[in-house]
Amino acid sequence: MVRRKVSKNKKRKLVMFSLFLVLVCFMVFYIWIFNYTNLLFKDLEKLKREEAKLLTQNRLVAIEIDRLARADRIKQIASSEMDMWTPTPESLAVIISSRKD
């Protein structure tokens, strides 16, 4: 009978130890997931800041392209730096013939 009590006591200790071990494993897993989500959140915030910076740069480049592509600016550079000039408009004469073949 004493042997049975010791056996039950060992079983109880084994069950308690197993439950404790499972609890510790769940806690470690929870901390790992929490840490991983924090790292992902930091990376996401960093990418959002970089996206905002790139969007701003893209807008500035689009404005610069619009400024450089203006017709009056191109005409001024062509005339002053490349010695180009605007030709005079030519007159076009259209003759309509009424002869029949």
PDB file of N, CA and C in Angstrom:
ATOM      1  N   MET A   1       0.809  -1.188   0.000  1.00  0.00           N
ATOM      2  CA  MET A   1       0.000   0.000   0.000  1.00  0.00           C
ATOM      3  C   MET A   1       0.863   1.267   0.000  1.00  0.00           C
ATOM      4  N   VAL A   2       1.949   1.278   0.635  1.00  0.00           N
ATOM      5  CA  VAL A   2       2.851   2.422   0.662  1.00  0.00           C
ATOM      6  C   VAL A   2       3.415   2.638  -0.746  1.00  0.00           C
ATOM      7  N   ARG A   3       3.656   1.540  -1.364  1.00  0.00           N
ATOM      8  CA  ARG A   3       4.179   1.632  -2.719  1.00  0.00           C
ATOM      9  C   ARG A   3       3.200   2.336  -3.660  1.00  0.00           C
ATOM     10  N   ARG A   4       1.966   2.082  -3.494  1.00  0.00           N
ATOM     11  CA  ARG A   4       0.950   2.717  -4.317  1.00  0.00           C
ATOM     12  C   ARG A   4       0.890   4.219  -4.081  1.00  0.00           C
ATOM     13  N   LYS A   5       1.018   4.661  -2.875  1.00  0.00           N
ATOM     14  CA  LYS A   5       1.003   6.086  -2.572  1.00  0.00           C
ATOM     15  C   LYS A   5       2.193   6.783  -3.214  1.00  0.00           C
ATOM     16  N   VAL A   6       3.324   6.157  -3.141  1.00  0.00           N
ATOM     17  CA  VAL A   6       4.511   6.744  -3.748  1.00  0.00           C
ATOM     18  C   VAL A   6       4.305   6.816  -5.264  1.00  0.00           C
ATOM     19  N   SER A   7       3.734   5.800  -5.823  1.00  0.00           N
ATOM     20  CA  SER A   7       3.482   5.773  -7.249  1.00  0.00           C
ATOM     21  C   SER A   7       2.499   6.886  -7.635  1.00  0.00           C
ATOM     22  N   LYS A   8       1.443   7.059  -6.857  1.00  0.00           N
ATOM     23  CA  LYS A   8       0.483   8.130  -7.139  1.00  0.00           C
ATOM     24  C   LYS A   8       1.152   9.493  -6.971  1.00  0.00           C
ATOM     25  N   ASN A   9       1.984   9.613  -5.972  1.00  0.00           N
ATOM     26  CA  ASN A   9       2.680  10.867  -5.732  1.00  0.00           C
ATOM     27  C   ASN A   9       3.639  11.184  -6.890  1.00  0.00           C
ATOM     28  N   LYS A  10       4.323  10.172  -7.369  1.00  0.00           N
ATOM     29  CA  LYS A  10       5.225  10.379  -8.507  1.00  0.00           C
ATOM     30  C   LYS A  10       4.440  10.765  -9.760  1.00  0.00           C
ATOM     31  N   LYS A  11       3.303  10.101  -9.942  1.00  0.00           N
ATOM     32  CA  LYS A  11       2.466  10.428 -11.097  1.00  0.00           C
ATOM     33  C   LYS A  11       1.977  11.871 -10.998  1.00  0.00           C
ATOM     34  N   ARG A  12       1.560  12.245  -9.837  1.00  0.00           N
ATOM     35  CA  ARG A  12       1.083  13.619  -9.629  1.00  0.00           C
ATOM     36  C   ARG A  12       2.198  14.634  -9.897  1.00  0.00           C
ATOM     37  N   LYS A  13       3.398  14.347  -9.385  1.00  0.00           N
ATOM     38  CA  LYS A  13       4.531  15.231  -9.621  1.00  0.00           C
ATOM     39  C   LYS A  13       4.879  15.277 -11.110  1.00  0.00           C
ATOM     40  N   LEU A  14       4.810  14.145 -11.774  1.00  0.00           N
ATOM     41  CA  LEU A  14       5.093  14.089 -13.196  1.00  0.00           C
ATOM     42  C   LEU A  14       4.060  14.898 -13.987  1.00  0.00           C
ATOM     43  N   VAL A  15       2.788  14.780 -13.626  1.00  0.00           N
ATOM     44  CA  VAL A  15       1.726  15.545 -14.293  1.00  0.00           C
ATOM     45  C   VAL A  15       1.927  17.039 -14.021  1.00  0.00           C
ATOM     46  N   MET A  16       2.211  17.398 -12.814  1.00  0.00           N
ATOM     47  CA  MET A  16       2.426  18.804 -12.472  1.00  0.00           C
ATOM     48  C   MET A  16       3.646  19.367 -13.207  1.00  0.00           C
ATOM     49  N   PHE A  17       4.710  18.579 -13.247  1.00  0.00           N
ATOM     50  CA  PHE A  17       5.900  19.019 -13.969  1.00  0.00           C
ATOM     51  C   PHE A  17       5.601  19.174 -15.461  1.00  0.00           C
ATOM     52  N   SER A  18       4.855  18.240 -16.017  1.00  0.00           N
ATOM     53  CA  SER A  18       4.477  18.319 -17.436  1.00  0.00           C
ATOM     54  C   SER A  18       3.629  19.556 -17.696  1.00  0.00           C
ATOM     55  N   LEU A  19       2.671  19.825 -16.834  1.00  0.00           N
ATOM     56  CA  LEU A  19       1.844  21.022 -16.996  1.00  0.00           C
ATOM     57  C   LEU A  19       2.685  22.298 -16.871  1.00  0.00           C
ATOM     58  N   PHE A  20       3.593  22.294 -15.930  1.00  0.00           N
ATOM     59  CA  PHE A  20       4.484  23.432 -15.772  1.00  0.00           C
ATOM     60  C   PHE A  20       5.341  23.630 -17.032  1.00  0.00           C
ATOM     61  N   LEU A  21       5.856  22.545 -17.563  1.00  0.00           N
ATOM     62  CA  LEU A  21       6.676  22.603 -18.770  1.00  0.00           C
ATOM     63  C   LEU A  21       5.863  23.114 -19.966  1.00  0.00           C
ATOM     64  N   VAL A  22       4.636  22.646 -20.093  1.00  0.00           N
ATOM     65  CA  VAL A  22       3.761  23.122 -21.163  1.00  0.00           C
ATOM     66  C   VAL A  22       3.482  24.616 -20.981  1.00  0.00           C
ATOM     67  N   LEU A  23       3.223  25.036 -19.754  1.00  0.00           N
ATOM     68  CA  LEU A  23       2.975  26.448 -19.493  1.00  0.00           C
ATOM     69  C   LEU A  23       4.194  27.305 -19.856  1.00  0.00           C
ATOM     70  N   VAL A  24       5.364  26.854 -19.494  1.00  0.00           N
ATOM     71  CA  VAL A  24       6.587  27.587 -19.818  1.00  0.00           C
ATOM     72  C   VAL A  24       6.779  27.645 -21.340  1.00  0.00           C
ATOM     73  N   CYS A  25       6.513  26.548 -22.013  1.00  0.00           N
ATOM     74  CA  CYS A  25       6.637  26.536 -23.483  1.00  0.00           C
ATOM     75  C   CYS A  25       5.663  27.519 -24.114  1.00  0.00           C
ATOM     76  N   PHE A  26       4.424  27.556 -23.638  1.00  0.00           N
ATOM     77  CA  PHE A  26       3.455  28.517 -24.165  1.00  0.00           C
ATOM     78  C   PHE A  26       3.894  29.955 -23.893  1.00  0.00           C
ATOM     79  N   MET A  27       4.449  30.197 -22.736  1.00  0.00           N
ATOM     80  CA  MET A  27       4.912  31.543 -22.412  1.00  0.00           C
ATOM     81  C   MET A  27       6.062  31.962 -23.327  1.00  0.00           C
ATOM     82  N   VAL A  28       7.003  31.060 -23.552  1.00  0.00           N
ATOM     83  CA  VAL A  28       8.126  31.358 -24.451  1.00  0.00           C
ATOM     84  C   VAL A  28       7.610  31.594 -25.863  1.00  0.00           C
ATOM     85  N   PHE A  29       6.665  30.767 -26.301  1.00  0.00           N
ATOM     86  CA  PHE A  29       6.082  30.941 -27.627  1.00  0.00           C
ATOM     87  C   PHE A  29       5.370  32.289 -27.736  1.00  0.00           C
ATOM     88  N   TYR A  30       4.629  32.667 -26.708  1.00  0.00           N
ATOM     89  CA  TYR A  30       3.928  33.953 -26.699  1.00  0.00           C
ATOM     90  C   TYR A  30       4.915  35.114 -26.779  1.00  0.00           C
ATOM     91  N   ILE A  31       5.995  35.043 -26.022  1.00  0.00           N
ATOM     92  CA  ILE A  31       7.009  36.099 -26.043  1.00  0.00           C
ATOM     93  C   ILE A  31       7.677  36.161 -27.406  1.00  0.00           C
ATOM     94  N   TRP A  32       7.937  35.002 -28.007  1.00  0.00           N
ATOM     95  CA  TRP A  32       8.548  34.980 -29.334  1.00  0.00           C
ATOM     96  C   TRP A  32       7.622  35.630 -30.365  1.00  0.00           C
ATOM     97  N   ILE A  33       6.330  35.267 -30.341  1.00  0.00           N
ATOM     98  CA  ILE A  33       5.363  35.860 -31.273  1.00  0.00           C
ATOM     99  C   ILE A  33       5.263  37.366 -31.041  1.00  0.00           C
ATOM    100  N   PHE A  34       5.206  37.795 -29.793  1.00  0.00           N
ATOM    101  CA  PHE A  34       5.118  39.214 -29.470  1.00  0.00           C
ATOM    102  C   PHE A  34       6.334  39.965 -30.006  1.00  0.00           C
ATOM    103  N   ASN A  35       7.507  39.415 -29.798  1.00  0.00           N
ATOM    104  CA  ASN A  35       8.738  40.035 -30.287  1.00  0.00           C
ATOM    105  C   ASN A  35       8.752  40.072 -31.814  1.00  0.00           C
ATOM    106  N   TYR A  36       8.326  39.011 -32.455  1.00  0.00           N
ATOM    107  CA  TYR A  36       8.307  38.939 -33.911  1.00  0.00           C
ATOM    108  C   TYR A  36       7.337  39.973 -34.496  1.00  0.00           C
ATOM    109  N   THR A  37       6.166  40.121 -33.892  1.00  0.00           N
ATOM    110  CA  THR A  37       5.208  41.118 -34.391  1.00  0.00           C
ATOM    111  C   THR A  37       5.750  42.537 -34.178  1.00  0.00           C
ATOM    112  N   ASN A  38       6.444  42.765 -33.083  1.00  0.00           N
ATOM    113  CA  ASN A  38       7.068  44.082 -32.870  1.00  0.00           C
ATOM    114  C   ASN A  38       8.116  44.382 -33.936  1.00  0.00           C
ATOM    115  N   LEU A  39       8.927  43.389 -34.285  1.00  0.00           N
ATOM    116  CA  LEU A  39       9.925  43.585 -35.333  1.00  0.00           C
ATOM    117  C   LEU A  39       9.261  43.864 -36.681  1.00  0.00           C
ATOM    118  N   LEU A  40       8.194  43.128 -36.974  1.00  0.00           N
ATOM    119  CA  LEU A  40       7.472  43.367 -38.225  1.00  0.00           C
ATOM    120  C   LEU A  40       6.852  44.758 -38.250  1.00  0.00           C
ATOM    121  N   PHE A  41       6.323  45.193 -37.120  1.00  0.00           N
ATOM    122  CA  PHE A  41       5.729  46.527 -37.045  1.00  0.00           C
ATOM    123  C   PHE A  41       6.788  47.602 -37.283  1.00  0.00           C
ATOM    124  N   LYS A  42       7.976  47.420 -36.689  1.00  0.00           N
ATOM    125  CA  LYS A  42       9.058  48.387 -36.906  1.00  0.00           C
ATOM    126  C   LYS A  42       9.478  48.415 -38.373  1.00  0.00           C
ATOM    127  N   ASP A  43       9.581  47.236 -38.990  1.00  0.00           N
ATOM    128  CA  ASP A  43       9.933  47.186 -40.409  1.00  0.00           C
ATOM    129  C   ASP A  43       8.856  47.854 -41.260  1.00  0.00           C
ATOM    130  N   LEU A  44       7.603  47.640 -40.920  1.00  0.00           N
ATOM    131  CA  LEU A  44       6.505  48.252 -41.660  1.00  0.00           C
ATOM    132  C   LEU A  44       6.545  49.774 -41.551  1.00  0.00           C
ATOM    133  N   GLU A  45       6.800  50.280 -40.357  1.00  0.00           N
ATOM    134  CA  GLU A  45       6.902  51.730 -40.172  1.00  0.00           C
ATOM    135  C   GLU A  45       8.076  52.302 -40.969  1.00  0.00           C
ATOM    136  N   LYS A  46       9.190  51.590 -40.981  1.00  0.00           N
ATOM    137  CA  LYS A  46      10.350  52.033 -41.744  1.00  0.00           C
ATOM    138  C   LYS A  46      10.019  52.072 -43.233  1.00  0.00           C
ATOM    139  N   LEU A  47       9.331  51.057 -43.733  1.00  0.00           N
ATOM    140  CA  LEU A  47       8.950  51.025 -45.149  1.00  0.00           C
ATOM    141  C   LEU A  47       7.942  52.117 -45.489  1.00  0.00           C
ATOM    142  N   LYS A  48       7.041  52.427 -44.566  1.00  0.00           N
ATOM    143  CA  LYS A  48       6.081  53.511 -44.800  1.00  0.00           C
ATOM    144  C   LYS A  48       6.791  54.856 -44.892  1.00  0.00           C
ATOM    145  N   ARG A  49       7.777  55.073 -44.016  1.00  0.00           N
ATOM    146  CA  ARG A  49       8.546  56.316 -44.087  1.00  0.00           C
ATOM    147  C   ARG A  49       9.315  56.406 -45.401  1.00  0.00           C
ATOM    148  N   GLU A  50       9.905  55.298 -45.827  1.00  0.00           N
ATOM    149  CA  GLU A  50      10.644  55.292 -47.083  1.00  0.00           C
ATOM    150  C   GLU A  50       9.705  55.521 -48.266  1.00  0.00           C
ATOM    151  N   GLU A  51       8.504  54.941 -48.213  1.00  0.00           N
ATOM    152  CA  GLU A  51       7.528  55.160 -49.279  1.00  0.00           C
ATOM    153  C   GLU A  51       7.140  56.634 -49.368  1.00  0.00           C
ATOM    154  N   ALA A  52       6.896  57.252 -48.221  1.00  0.00           N
ATOM    155  CA  ALA A  52       6.535  58.672 -48.214  1.00  0.00           C
ATOM    156  C   ALA A  52       7.671  59.520 -48.782  1.00  0.00           C
ATOM    157  N   LYS A  53       8.902  59.175 -48.429  1.00  0.00           N
ATOM    158  CA  LYS A  53      10.061  59.911 -48.951  1.00  0.00           C
ATOM    159  C   LYS A  53      10.164  59.751 -50.460  1.00  0.00           C
ATOM    160  N   LEU A  54       9.962  58.531 -50.959  1.00  0.00           N
ATOM    161  CA  LEU A  54      10.053  58.287 -52.397  1.00  0.00           C
ATOM    162  C   LEU A  54       8.909  58.964 -53.155  1.00  0.00           C
ATOM    163  N   LEU A  55       7.721  59.000 -52.559  1.00  0.00           N
ATOM    164  CA  LEU A  55       6.605  59.700 -53.201  1.00  0.00           C
ATOM    165  C   LEU A  55       6.893  61.194 -53.312  1.00  0.00           C
ATOM    166  N   THR A  56       7.484  61.755 -52.275  1.00  0.00           N
ATOM    167  CA  THR A  56       7.857  63.168 -52.315  1.00  0.00           C
ATOM    168  C   THR A  56       8.898  63.416 -53.401  1.00  0.00           C
ATOM    169  N   GLN A  57       9.906  62.555 -53.472  1.00  0.00           N
ATOM    170  CA  GLN A  57      10.927  62.693 -54.513  1.00  0.00           C
ATOM    171  C   GLN A  57      10.303  62.558 -55.897  1.00  0.00           C
ATOM    172  N   ASN A  58       9.353  61.635 -56.039  1.00  0.00           N
ATOM    173  CA  ASN A  58       8.691  61.438 -57.325  1.00  0.00           C
ATOM    174  C   ASN A  58       7.920  62.687 -57.739  1.00  0.00           C
ATOM    175  N   ARG A  59       7.238  63.306 -56.783  1.00  0.00           N
ATOM    176  CA  ARG A  59       6.514  64.546 -57.092  1.00  0.00           C
ATOM    177  C   ARG A  59       7.476  65.659 -57.500  1.00  0.00           C
ATOM    178  N   LEU A  60       8.599  65.766 -56.798  1.00  0.00           N
ATOM    179  CA  LEU A  60       9.588  66.798 -57.145  1.00  0.00           C
ATOM    180  C   LEU A  60      10.171  66.570 -58.536  1.00  0.00           C
ATOM    181  N   VAL A  61      10.435  65.315 -58.878  1.00  0.00           N
ATOM    182  CA  VAL A  61      10.969  65.007 -60.203  1.00  0.00           C
ATOM    183  C   VAL A  61       9.933  65.306 -61.282  1.00  0.00           C
ATOM    184  N   ALA A  62       8.661  65.002 -61.020  1.00  0.00           N
ATOM    185  CA  ALA A  62       7.606  65.305 -61.990  1.00  0.00           C
ATOM    186  C   ALA A  62       7.490  66.811 -62.210  1.00  0.00           C
ATOM    187  N   ILE A  63       7.602  67.587 -61.145  1.00  0.00           N
ATOM    188  CA  ILE A  63       7.566  69.049 -61.273  1.00  0.00           C
ATOM    189  C   ILE A  63       8.761  69.540 -62.078  1.00  0.00           C
ATOM    190  N   GLU A  64       9.947  68.966 -61.815  1.00  0.00           N
ATOM    191  CA  GLU A  64      11.152  69.350 -62.547  1.00  0.00           C
ATOM    192  C   GLU A  64      11.024  68.999 -64.029  1.00  0.00           C
ATOM    193  N   ILE A  65      10.449  67.845 -64.335  1.00  0.00           N
ATOM    194  CA  ILE A  65      10.247  67.455 -65.743  1.00  0.00           C
ATOM    195  C   ILE A  65       9.306  68.435 -66.425  1.00  0.00           C
ATOM    196  N   ASP A  66       8.218  68.781 -65.747  1.00  0.00           N
ATOM    197  CA  ASP A  66       7.281  69.753 -66.320  1.00  0.00           C
ATOM    198  C   ASP A  66       7.965  71.103 -66.556  1.00  0.00           C
ATOM    199  N   ARG A  67       8.800  71.508 -65.632  1.00  0.00           N
ATOM    200  CA  ARG A  67       9.498  72.793 -65.775  1.00  0.00           C
ATOM    201  C   ARG A  67      10.471  72.751 -66.949  1.00  0.00           C
ATOM    202  N   LEU A  68      11.196  71.662 -67.081  1.00  0.00           N
ATOM    203  CA  LEU A  68      12.195  71.570 -68.151  1.00  0.00           C
ATOM    204  C   LEU A  68      11.573  71.353 -69.530  1.00  0.00           C
ATOM    205  N   ALA A  69      10.368  70.815 -69.588  1.00  0.00           N
ATOM    206  CA  ALA A  69       9.746  70.493 -70.871  1.00  0.00           C
ATOM    207  C   ALA A  69       8.856  71.611 -71.403  1.00  0.00           C
ATOM    208  N   ARG A  70       8.869  72.772 -70.761  1.00  0.00           N
ATOM    209  CA  ARG A  70       8.047  73.886 -71.256  1.00  0.00           C
ATOM    210  C   ARG A  70       8.539  74.328 -72.626  1.00  0.00           C
ATOM    211  N   ALA A  71       7.593  74.639 -73.499  1.00  0.00           N
ATOM    212  CA  ALA A  71       7.923  75.007 -74.881  1.00  0.00           C
ATOM    213  C   ALA A  71       8.731  76.301 -74.943  1.00  0.00           C
ATOM    214  N   ASP A  72       8.410  77.288 -74.126  1.00  0.00           N
ATOM    215  CA  ASP A  72       9.155  78.549 -74.174  1.00  0.00           C
ATOM    216  C   ASP A  72      10.603  78.360 -73.736  1.00  0.00           C
ATOM    217  N   ARG A  73      10.849  77.479 -72.785  1.00  0.00           N
ATOM    218  CA  ARG A  73      12.215  77.199 -72.338  1.00  0.00           C
ATOM    219  C   ARG A  73      12.999  76.491 -73.436  1.00  0.00           C
ATOM    220  N   ILE A  74      12.377  75.520 -74.084  1.00  0.00           N
ATOM    221  CA  ILE A  74      13.052  74.794 -75.161  1.00  0.00           C
ATOM    222  C   ILE A  74      13.366  75.747 -76.315  1.00  0.00           C
ATOM    223  N   LYS A  75      12.432  76.610 -76.650  1.00  0.00           N
ATOM    224  CA  LYS A  75      12.649  77.573 -77.729  1.00  0.00           C
ATOM    225  C   LYS A  75      13.795  78.529 -77.375  1.00  0.00           C
ATOM    226  N   GLN A  76      13.851  78.976 -76.114  1.00  0.00           N
ATOM    227  CA  GLN A  76      14.907  79.898 -75.678  1.00  0.00           C
ATOM    228  C   GLN A  76      16.269  79.213 -75.737  1.00  0.00           C
ATOM    229  N   ILE A  77      16.374  77.963 -75.303  1.00  0.00           N
ATOM    230  CA  ILE A  77      17.655  77.236 -75.349  1.00  0.00           C
ATOM    231  C   ILE A  77      18.066  76.987 -76.796  1.00  0.00           C
ATOM    232  N   ALA A  78      17.100  76.624 -77.637  1.00  0.00           N
ATOM    233  CA  ALA A  78      17.425  76.367 -79.041  1.00  0.00           C
ATOM    234  C   ALA A  78      17.944  77.622 -79.729  1.00  0.00           C
ATOM    235  N   SER A  79      17.354  78.766 -79.418  1.00  0.00           N
ATOM    236  CA  SER A  79      17.795  79.988 -80.094  1.00  0.00           C
ATOM    237  C   SER A  79      19.094  80.532 -79.511  1.00  0.00           C
ATOM    238  N   SER A  80      19.285  80.462 -78.204  1.00  0.00           N
ATOM    239  CA  SER A  80      20.470  81.069 -77.609  1.00  0.00           C
ATOM    240  C   SER A  80      21.686  80.146 -77.613  1.00  0.00           C
ATOM    241  N   GLU A  81      21.524  78.881 -77.345  1.00  0.00           N
ATOM    242  CA  GLU A  81      22.669  77.994 -77.213  1.00  0.00           C
ATOM    243  C   GLU A  81      22.972  77.199 -78.476  1.00  0.00           C
ATOM    244  N   MET A  82      21.971  76.969 -79.320  1.00  0.00           N
ATOM    245  CA  MET A  82      22.187  76.127 -80.491  1.00  0.00           C
ATOM    246  C   MET A  82      22.064  76.901 -81.806  1.00  0.00           C
ATOM    247  N   ASP A  83      21.898  78.195 -81.686  1.00  0.00           N
ATOM    248  CA  ASP A  83      21.755  79.055 -82.861  1.00  0.00           C
ATOM    249  C   ASP A  83      20.682  78.560 -83.831  1.00  0.00           C
ATOM    250  N   MET A  84      19.597  78.106 -83.300  1.00  0.00           N
ATOM    251  CA  MET A  84      18.466  77.694 -84.119  1.00  0.00           C
ATOM    252  C   MET A  84      17.472  78.839 -84.171  1.00  0.00           C
ATOM    253  N   TRP A  85      16.659  78.858 -85.168  1.00  0.00           N
ATOM    254  CA  TRP A  85      15.667  79.911 -85.283  1.00  0.00           C
ATOM    255  C   TRP A  85      14.375  79.335 -85.827  1.00  0.00           C
ATOM    256  N   THR A  86      13.322  80.051 -85.594  1.00  0.00           N
ATOM    257  CA  THR A  86      12.008  79.615 -86.055  1.00  0.00           C
ATOM    258  C   THR A  86      11.831  80.079 -87.491  1.00  0.00           C
ATOM    259  N   PRO A  87      11.523  79.169 -88.385  1.00  0.00           N
ATOM    260  CA  PRO A  87      11.366  79.574 -89.780  1.00  0.00           C
ATOM    261  C   PRO A  87      10.105  80.408 -89.968  1.00  0.00           C
ATOM    262  N   THR A  88      10.134  81.219 -91.003  1.00  0.00           N
ATOM    263  CA  THR A  88       8.951  82.015 -91.314  1.00  0.00           C
ATOM    264  C   THR A  88       7.911  81.108 -91.949  1.00  0.00           C
ATOM    265  N   PRO A  89       6.680  81.376 -91.670  1.00  0.00           N
ATOM    266  CA  PRO A  89       5.643  80.515 -92.249  1.00  0.00           C
ATOM    267  C   PRO A  89       5.622  80.653 -93.771  1.00  0.00           C
ATOM    268  N   GLU A  90       5.514  79.555 -94.412  1.00  0.00           N
ATOM    269  CA  GLU A  90       5.478  79.553 -95.870  1.00  0.00           C
ATOM    270  C   GLU A  90       4.030  79.641 -96.324  1.00  0.00           C
ATOM    271  N   SER A  91       3.865  80.240 -97.478  1.00  0.00           N
ATOM    272  CA  SER A  91       2.516  80.287 -98.019  1.00  0.00           C
ATOM    273  C   SER A  91       2.356  79.124 -98.983  1.00  0.00           C
ATOM    274  N   LEU A  92       1.235  78.519 -98.918  1.00  0.00           N
ATOM    275  CA  LEU A  92       0.979  77.340 -99.733  1.00  0.00           C
ATOM    276  C   LEU A  92      -0.122  77.715-100.708  1.00  0.00           C
ATOM    277  N   ALA A  93       0.147  77.536-101.967  1.00  0.00           N
ATOM    278  CA  ALA A  93      -0.847  77.838-102.988  1.00  0.00           C
ATOM    279  C   ALA A  93      -1.429  76.523-103.486  1.00  0.00           C
ATOM    280  N   VAL A  94      -2.725  76.443-103.442  1.00  0.00           N
ATOM    281  CA  VAL A  94      -3.413  75.262-103.925  1.00  0.00           C
ATOM    282  C   VAL A  94      -4.156  75.667-105.197  1.00  0.00           C
ATOM    283  N   ILE A  95      -3.861  74.979-106.246  1.00  0.00           N
ATOM    284  CA  ILE A  95      -4.511  75.256-107.525  1.00  0.00           C
ATOM    285  C   ILE A  95      -5.430  74.090-107.843  1.00  0.00           C
ATOM    286  N   ILE A  96      -6.663  74.434-108.061  1.00  0.00           N
ATOM    287  CA  ILE A  96      -7.648  73.412-108.392  1.00  0.00           C
ATOM    288  C   ILE A  96      -7.916  73.497-109.881  1.00  0.00           C
ATOM    289  N   SER A  97      -7.650  72.426-110.510  1.00  0.00           N
ATOM    290  CA  SER A  97      -7.828  72.380-111.963  1.00  0.00           C
ATOM    291  C   SER A  97      -9.218  71.830-112.279  1.00  0.00           C
ATOM    292  N   SER A  98      -9.848  72.400-113.273  1.00  0.00           N
ATOM    293  CA  SER A  98     -11.183  71.941-113.632  1.00  0.00           C
ATOM    294  C   SER A  98     -11.167  71.109-114.913  1.00  0.00           C
ATOM    295  N   ARG A  99     -10.000  70.715-115.343  1.00  0.00           N
ATOM    296  CA  ARG A  99      -9.970  69.935-116.573  1.00  0.00           C
ATOM    297  C   ARG A  99     -10.339  68.500-116.307  1.00  0.00           C
ATOM    298  N   LYS A 100     -10.993  67.903-117.274  1.00  0.00           N
ATOM    299  CA  LYS A 100     -11.454  66.522-117.146  1.00  0.00           C
ATOM    300  C   LYS A 100     -10.692  65.656-118.156  1.00  0.00           C
ATOM    301  N   ASP A 101     -10.249  64.525-117.740  1.00  0.00           N
ATOM    302  CA  ASP A 101      -9.513  63.633-118.637  1.00  0.00           C
ATOM    303  C   ASP A 101     -10.385  62.566-119.212  1.00  0.00           C
TER     304      ASP A 101
END
